Protein backbone atom coordinates (compact mmCIF):
# COMPACT_ATOMS: atom_id res chain seq x y z
CA MET A 1 -8.63 14.67 76.73
CA SER A 2 -8.61 15.64 80.35
CA ASP A 3 -10.73 18.25 82.07
CA TRP A 4 -7.60 20.30 82.62
CA SER A 5 -6.59 20.37 78.94
CA SER A 6 -10.11 21.35 77.87
CA TYR A 7 -10.26 24.07 80.52
CA ALA A 8 -6.75 25.34 79.70
CA ALA A 9 -7.47 25.37 75.95
CA GLN A 10 -10.63 27.42 76.51
CA ARG A 11 -8.71 29.93 78.67
CA VAL A 12 -5.93 30.25 76.08
CA LYS A 13 -8.53 30.78 73.36
CA ARG A 14 -10.29 33.51 75.40
CA GLN A 15 -6.96 35.13 76.18
CA ARG A 16 -6.07 35.25 72.45
CA GLU A 17 -9.47 36.74 71.64
CA ASN A 18 -9.06 39.37 74.38
CA ASN A 19 -5.55 40.23 73.15
CA GLY A 20 -6.89 40.53 69.62
CA LEU A 21 -9.60 42.93 70.81
CA LYS A 22 -7.06 44.98 72.79
CA ASN A 23 -4.72 45.17 69.79
CA SER A 24 -7.61 46.11 67.52
CA ARG A 25 -8.78 48.80 69.95
CA ALA A 26 -5.24 50.18 70.33
CA SER A 27 -4.85 50.29 66.56
CA GLN A 28 -8.18 52.07 66.18
CA ASP A 29 -7.28 54.57 68.93
CA ALA A 30 -3.94 55.31 67.23
CA ARG A 31 -5.72 55.87 63.91
CA LEU A 32 -8.27 58.19 65.54
CA LEU A 33 -5.54 60.16 67.30
CA ALA A 34 -3.63 60.53 64.03
CA GLU A 35 -6.83 61.86 62.47
CA TYR A 36 -8.00 64.21 65.24
CA ALA A 37 -4.83 65.37 67.06
CA PRO A 38 -3.76 67.82 64.30
CA GLY A 39 -7.08 69.65 64.69
CA ARG A 40 -6.55 69.93 68.43
CA TRP A 41 -3.02 71.26 67.76
CA GLU A 42 -4.48 73.89 65.41
CA GLU A 43 -6.90 74.91 68.15
CA LEU A 44 -3.99 75.45 70.55
CA ARG A 45 -2.06 77.48 67.95
CA ARG A 46 -5.12 79.71 67.39
CA VAL A 47 -5.47 80.27 71.13
CA PHE A 48 -1.80 81.29 71.44
CA LEU A 49 -2.04 83.66 68.48
CA GLU A 50 -5.29 85.18 69.74
CA MET A 51 -3.85 85.74 73.20
CA CYS A 52 -0.73 87.36 71.70
CA SER A 53 -2.89 89.70 69.60
CA GLN A 54 -5.03 90.60 72.60
CA PHE A 55 -1.97 91.31 74.73
CA ASN A 56 -0.40 93.43 71.98
CA ALA A 57 -3.63 95.49 71.84
CA GLU A 58 -3.28 96.49 75.49
CA PRO A 59 -2.02 100.04 76.17
CA GLU A 60 1.79 100.25 76.08
CA MET A 61 2.11 96.61 74.95
CA ARG A 62 2.04 97.15 71.19
CA GLU A 63 4.12 94.45 69.48
CA ALA A 64 5.42 93.15 72.81
CA LEU A 65 4.80 89.59 71.67
CA ALA A 66 6.08 88.80 68.19
CA TYR A 67 5.38 85.40 66.73
CA ASP A 68 6.40 83.18 63.86
CA ASN A 69 3.78 80.66 62.82
CA SER A 70 5.28 79.76 59.43
CA ASN A 71 6.04 76.16 60.50
CA PRO A 72 2.77 74.19 60.79
CA GLN A 73 4.30 71.93 63.47
CA ALA A 74 5.71 74.75 65.61
CA LEU A 75 5.03 78.19 66.95
CA LYS A 76 7.69 80.63 68.13
CA ILE A 77 6.76 83.60 70.31
CA GLU A 78 9.23 86.29 71.39
CA ASN A 79 8.88 88.79 74.19
CA THR A 80 10.36 91.77 72.34
CA HIS A 81 11.07 93.59 75.62
CA THR A 82 13.20 90.84 77.18
CA LYS A 83 14.21 89.00 73.98
CA MET A 84 13.13 85.71 75.58
CA THR A 85 11.64 83.17 73.20
CA LEU A 86 9.01 80.51 73.69
CA ARG A 87 8.88 77.51 71.34
CA ILE A 88 5.78 75.34 71.13
CA THR A 89 6.11 72.23 68.97
CA PHE A 90 3.73 69.47 67.96
CA ASP A 91 4.92 65.89 67.51
CA PRO A 92 2.12 64.24 65.50
CA GLU A 93 3.64 60.77 65.85
CA HIS A 94 3.25 60.85 69.64
CA SER A 95 0.38 63.41 69.81
CA GLU A 96 2.64 65.47 72.04
CA ILE A 97 3.09 69.20 72.55
CA LYS A 98 6.38 70.45 73.93
CA ILE A 99 6.94 73.93 75.29
CA GLY A 100 10.48 75.17 75.68
CA GLY A 101 12.92 77.97 75.19
CA LEU A 102 12.46 79.46 78.64
CA SER A 103 14.05 78.86 81.98
CA GLY A 104 11.87 77.96 84.91
CA PRO A 105 8.95 75.56 85.36
CA THR A 106 7.57 75.85 81.82
CA ALA A 107 10.86 74.76 80.25
CA THR A 108 11.17 71.66 82.39
CA ALA A 109 7.50 70.66 82.53
CA ALA A 110 6.49 67.35 81.05
CA PRO A 111 5.04 67.69 77.59
CA TYR A 112 1.32 67.96 77.10
CA LYS A 113 -0.39 65.14 75.26
CA ILE A 114 -3.45 64.97 73.12
CA ALA A 115 -5.48 62.00 74.30
CA LEU A 116 -8.59 60.25 73.12
CA VAL A 117 -11.69 60.03 75.30
CA PRO A 118 -12.12 56.27 75.77
CA GLY A 119 -14.69 54.83 73.41
CA GLN A 120 -15.23 58.15 71.61
CA ARG A 121 -13.81 60.22 68.78
CA GLU A 122 -13.26 63.21 71.04
CA THR A 123 -9.79 64.38 72.06
CA TYR A 124 -8.50 66.49 74.92
CA PHE A 125 -5.23 67.95 76.22
CA THR A 126 -3.65 66.32 79.24
CA ASP A 127 -0.64 67.15 81.39
CA GLY A 128 -0.22 63.47 82.17
CA SER A 129 -2.69 63.31 85.01
CA ASN A 130 -5.36 65.96 84.38
CA SER A 131 -7.35 67.31 81.47
CA VAL A 132 -6.15 70.82 80.57
CA ALA A 133 -7.91 73.42 78.40
CA ALA A 134 -6.04 75.04 75.51
CA HIS A 135 -6.31 78.52 77.07
CA GLU A 136 -4.80 77.18 80.33
CA ILE A 137 -1.78 75.82 78.45
CA ALA A 138 -1.33 79.11 76.59
CA ARG A 139 -1.84 81.27 79.69
CA LYS A 140 0.73 79.34 81.70
CA ALA A 141 3.32 79.47 78.89
CA LEU A 142 2.73 83.16 78.10
CA ASP A 143 2.84 84.09 81.81
CA SER A 144 6.27 82.46 81.97
CA LEU A 145 7.40 84.26 78.83
CA LEU A 146 6.26 87.57 80.31
CA GLY A 147 7.88 86.76 83.68
CA ILE A 148 4.64 87.06 85.64
């Protein structure tokens, strides 16, 4: 055997080991997201519902925001004054949250994702480039629904 073949064989072996580790890590991350993303989605739903209830409790805003939360993978909120509807859906397969039903920036915005903190079991919302808190997502969507 030549020095080259020995060297090349060692590099191929290391490359296979590294690919195996990457595949194993990706598989573990996917499993963790499948386990923890639904809880993060539930957190976002609770924030939306809480904010709707708080808004409806304001003077002259009684029942201004009606919602349907009967579908565990979706939330529908209607501005009863304008009849505009906001739809928030959760895609567990892609850990993605889509907000639609309105015209304007909210309707065309890229979906939010639920991502895993590298090397941890903690998840967070992201808009693709930044971490975003649940109340920020809800505030932005409800502001659009209310036209403010």
